[in-house]
Each structure stands twice: as C-alpha cells, then as structure tokens.
Amino acid sequence: KTANEDGTEVEVDVNEAADFIQIAQSVQKKPKTGLRIAGTKFMPLRTFPKGSGDDGIPTIFFKKPKGGGCLCVTNQCIIVGTFDEGKQQTAAGCNFAVEALARYLFSIQY
C-alpha cells in the first residue's frame, strides 16, 4: 500500500526489478513506491552519488525497524546486502561487505 496526497491508502503493484534499474540510473531519485527488497520496505538514510569514499561507486544506506542495508551500483552490477539486528548483524558489517565487493567488481570493470 502507498499513501495518496490526500492521505488515503491505495494498493499498488511494485516491480522491484524496475525500481532497481531506476536506482542504478540515478541513486538520488527514489522510486515512487519506495525502496523495497524482497517485499520489505526500507527507508533510504544516506545517498552517495559518488560513493561513500568518493570512489565513484554510487551507494545508498537504508533502514527498517531492527535492520537495514546497503546498495552499491557498479558498471554492470547492483549489489544489495541487508542486516538483521535480531541475528546479531550490524550496519557496519553489512556496509563494509557490500562496499568491499562493489570496489572489487568495479576495479575489474564489472
């Protein structure tokens, strides 16, 4: 469900694959239906069009209650990792793993 401008809720179809493509084209533009991964809605926290370390890899950090994740876009890949605080996982560990993989793939032209 999503809210209209007048506050009423309506059912909408969410195409997560199309939303990821839109995000890959511009990490600063959030899809109309929000950021959803495997049916779970997340709230974008920080967006880095040039990467969190100015490495040229667009990155988004996102959150949900008791969890969150990181999304990076390389030349040919969209890498997504999530964490669940209930499983003793942390944002720092998730972000480090996703960004390290993205940097490696980016360095070999993926």
Protein backbone atom coordinates (compact mmCIF):
# COMPACT_ATOMS: atom_id res chain seq x y z
CA LYS A 1 0.00 0.00 0.00
CA THR A 2 1.05 3.57 -0.56
CA ALA A 3 -0.47 6.87 0.51
CA ASN A 4 -2.02 9.37 -1.88
CA GLU A 5 -1.51 13.10 -1.45
CA ASP A 6 -4.84 13.29 0.39
CA GLY A 7 -3.64 10.65 2.92
CA THR A 8 -5.76 7.74 1.70
CA GLU A 9 -4.04 4.40 1.10
CA VAL A 10 -4.24 2.52 -2.19
CA GLU A 11 -2.88 -0.82 -3.38
CA VAL A 12 -0.08 -0.52 -5.92
CA ASP A 13 1.90 -3.09 -7.85
CA VAL A 14 5.59 -2.94 -7.02
CA ASN A 15 8.12 -4.03 -9.63
CA GLU A 16 11.31 -4.30 -7.58
CA ALA A 17 13.45 -5.13 -10.63
CA ALA A 18 12.32 -1.98 -12.46
CA ASP A 19 12.87 0.04 -9.28
CA PHE A 20 16.46 -1.25 -9.02
CA ILE A 21 17.10 -0.22 -12.61
CA GLN A 22 15.77 3.26 -11.83
CA ILE A 23 18.01 3.44 -8.75
CA ALA A 24 21.02 2.29 -10.80
CA GLN A 25 20.42 5.10 -13.28
CA SER A 26 20.23 7.72 -10.52
CA VAL A 27 20.68 6.84 -6.83
CA GLN A 28 19.32 10.27 -5.90
CA LYS A 29 15.87 9.53 -7.33
CA LYS A 30 13.78 7.23 -5.13
CA PRO A 31 11.16 5.04 -6.88
CA LYS A 32 7.56 6.21 -6.43
CA THR A 33 6.74 3.08 -4.43
CA GLY A 34 9.79 3.47 -2.18
CA LEU A 35 12.78 1.19 -1.77
CA ARG A 36 11.61 -2.40 -1.43
CA ILE A 37 13.69 -5.54 -1.22
CA ALA A 38 12.02 -8.98 -1.20
CA GLY A 39 8.71 -7.30 -0.35
CA THR A 40 10.07 -5.34 2.63
CA LYS A 41 10.01 -1.55 2.51
CA PHE A 42 13.15 0.30 3.57
CA MET A 43 13.81 3.98 4.21
CA PRO A 44 16.87 5.46 2.46
CA LEU A 45 19.10 7.16 5.03
CA ARG A 46 22.12 8.42 3.10
CA THR A 47 22.81 8.57 -0.60
CA PHE A 48 26.29 8.97 -2.05
CA PRO A 49 26.18 9.53 -5.84
CA LYS A 50 29.99 9.22 -5.99
CA GLY A 51 30.36 6.60 -3.26
CA SER A 52 30.78 6.91 0.48
CA GLY A 53 34.54 7.16 -0.03
CA ASP A 54 34.38 9.21 -3.24
CA ASP A 55 35.40 6.08 -5.14
CA GLY A 56 32.90 6.57 -7.97
CA ILE A 57 30.55 3.80 -6.80
CA PRO A 58 27.02 5.14 -6.16
CA THR A 59 25.89 3.94 -2.73
CA ILE A 60 22.69 4.04 -0.65
CA PHE A 61 22.40 3.15 3.03
CA PHE A 62 18.86 2.23 4.10
CA LYS A 63 16.99 1.26 7.27
CA LYS A 64 13.93 -0.57 8.58
CA PRO A 65 12.99 -1.32 12.18
CA LYS A 66 15.69 -3.58 13.66
CA GLY A 67 17.62 -3.79 10.39
CA GLY A 68 18.71 -2.14 7.19
CA GLY A 69 21.25 -2.47 4.43
CA CYS A 70 23.47 -1.08 1.73
CA LEU A 71 23.13 -0.89 -2.04
CA CYS A 72 26.02 -0.18 -4.44
CA VAL A 73 25.97 0.23 -8.22
CA THR A 74 28.98 -0.78 -10.32
CA ASN A 75 29.37 -0.75 -14.10
CA GLN A 76 27.39 -3.97 -14.56
CA CYS A 77 26.05 -4.91 -11.12
CA ILE A 78 23.66 -3.79 -8.42
CA ILE A 79 24.89 -5.22 -5.12
CA VAL A 80 22.48 -5.33 -2.19
CA GLY A 81 23.15 -6.52 1.33
CA THR A 82 20.82 -6.43 4.31
CA PHE A 83 21.29 -6.96 8.03
CA ASP A 84 19.01 -8.03 10.86
CA GLU A 85 19.82 -6.79 14.37
CA GLY A 86 17.84 -9.74 15.79
CA LYS A 87 20.51 -12.03 14.31
CA GLN A 88 23.36 -10.01 15.86
CA GLN A 89 24.22 -8.46 12.47
CA THR A 90 25.34 -4.84 12.23
CA ALA A 91 25.06 -1.99 9.76
CA ALA A 92 28.84 -1.55 9.80
CA GLY A 93 29.48 -5.18 8.88
CA CYS A 94 26.88 -5.11 6.12
CA ASN A 95 28.09 -1.84 4.66
CA PHE A 96 31.73 -2.96 4.75
CA ALA A 97 30.98 -6.26 2.97
CA VAL A 98 28.81 -4.71 0.25
CA GLU A 99 31.18 -1.80 -0.41
CA ALA A 100 34.25 -4.08 -0.46
CA LEU A 101 32.61 -6.36 -3.03
CA ALA A 102 31.50 -3.35 -5.08
CA ARG A 103 35.02 -1.88 -5.07
CA TYR A 104 36.49 -5.20 -6.20
CA LEU A 105 33.95 -5.64 -9.02
CA PHE A 106 34.38 -2.00 -10.05
CA SER A 107 38.18 -2.44 -10.17
CA ILE A 108 37.84 -5.31 -12.66
CA GLN A 109 35.35 -3.36 -14.81
CA TYR A 110 32.15 -5.05 -13.57
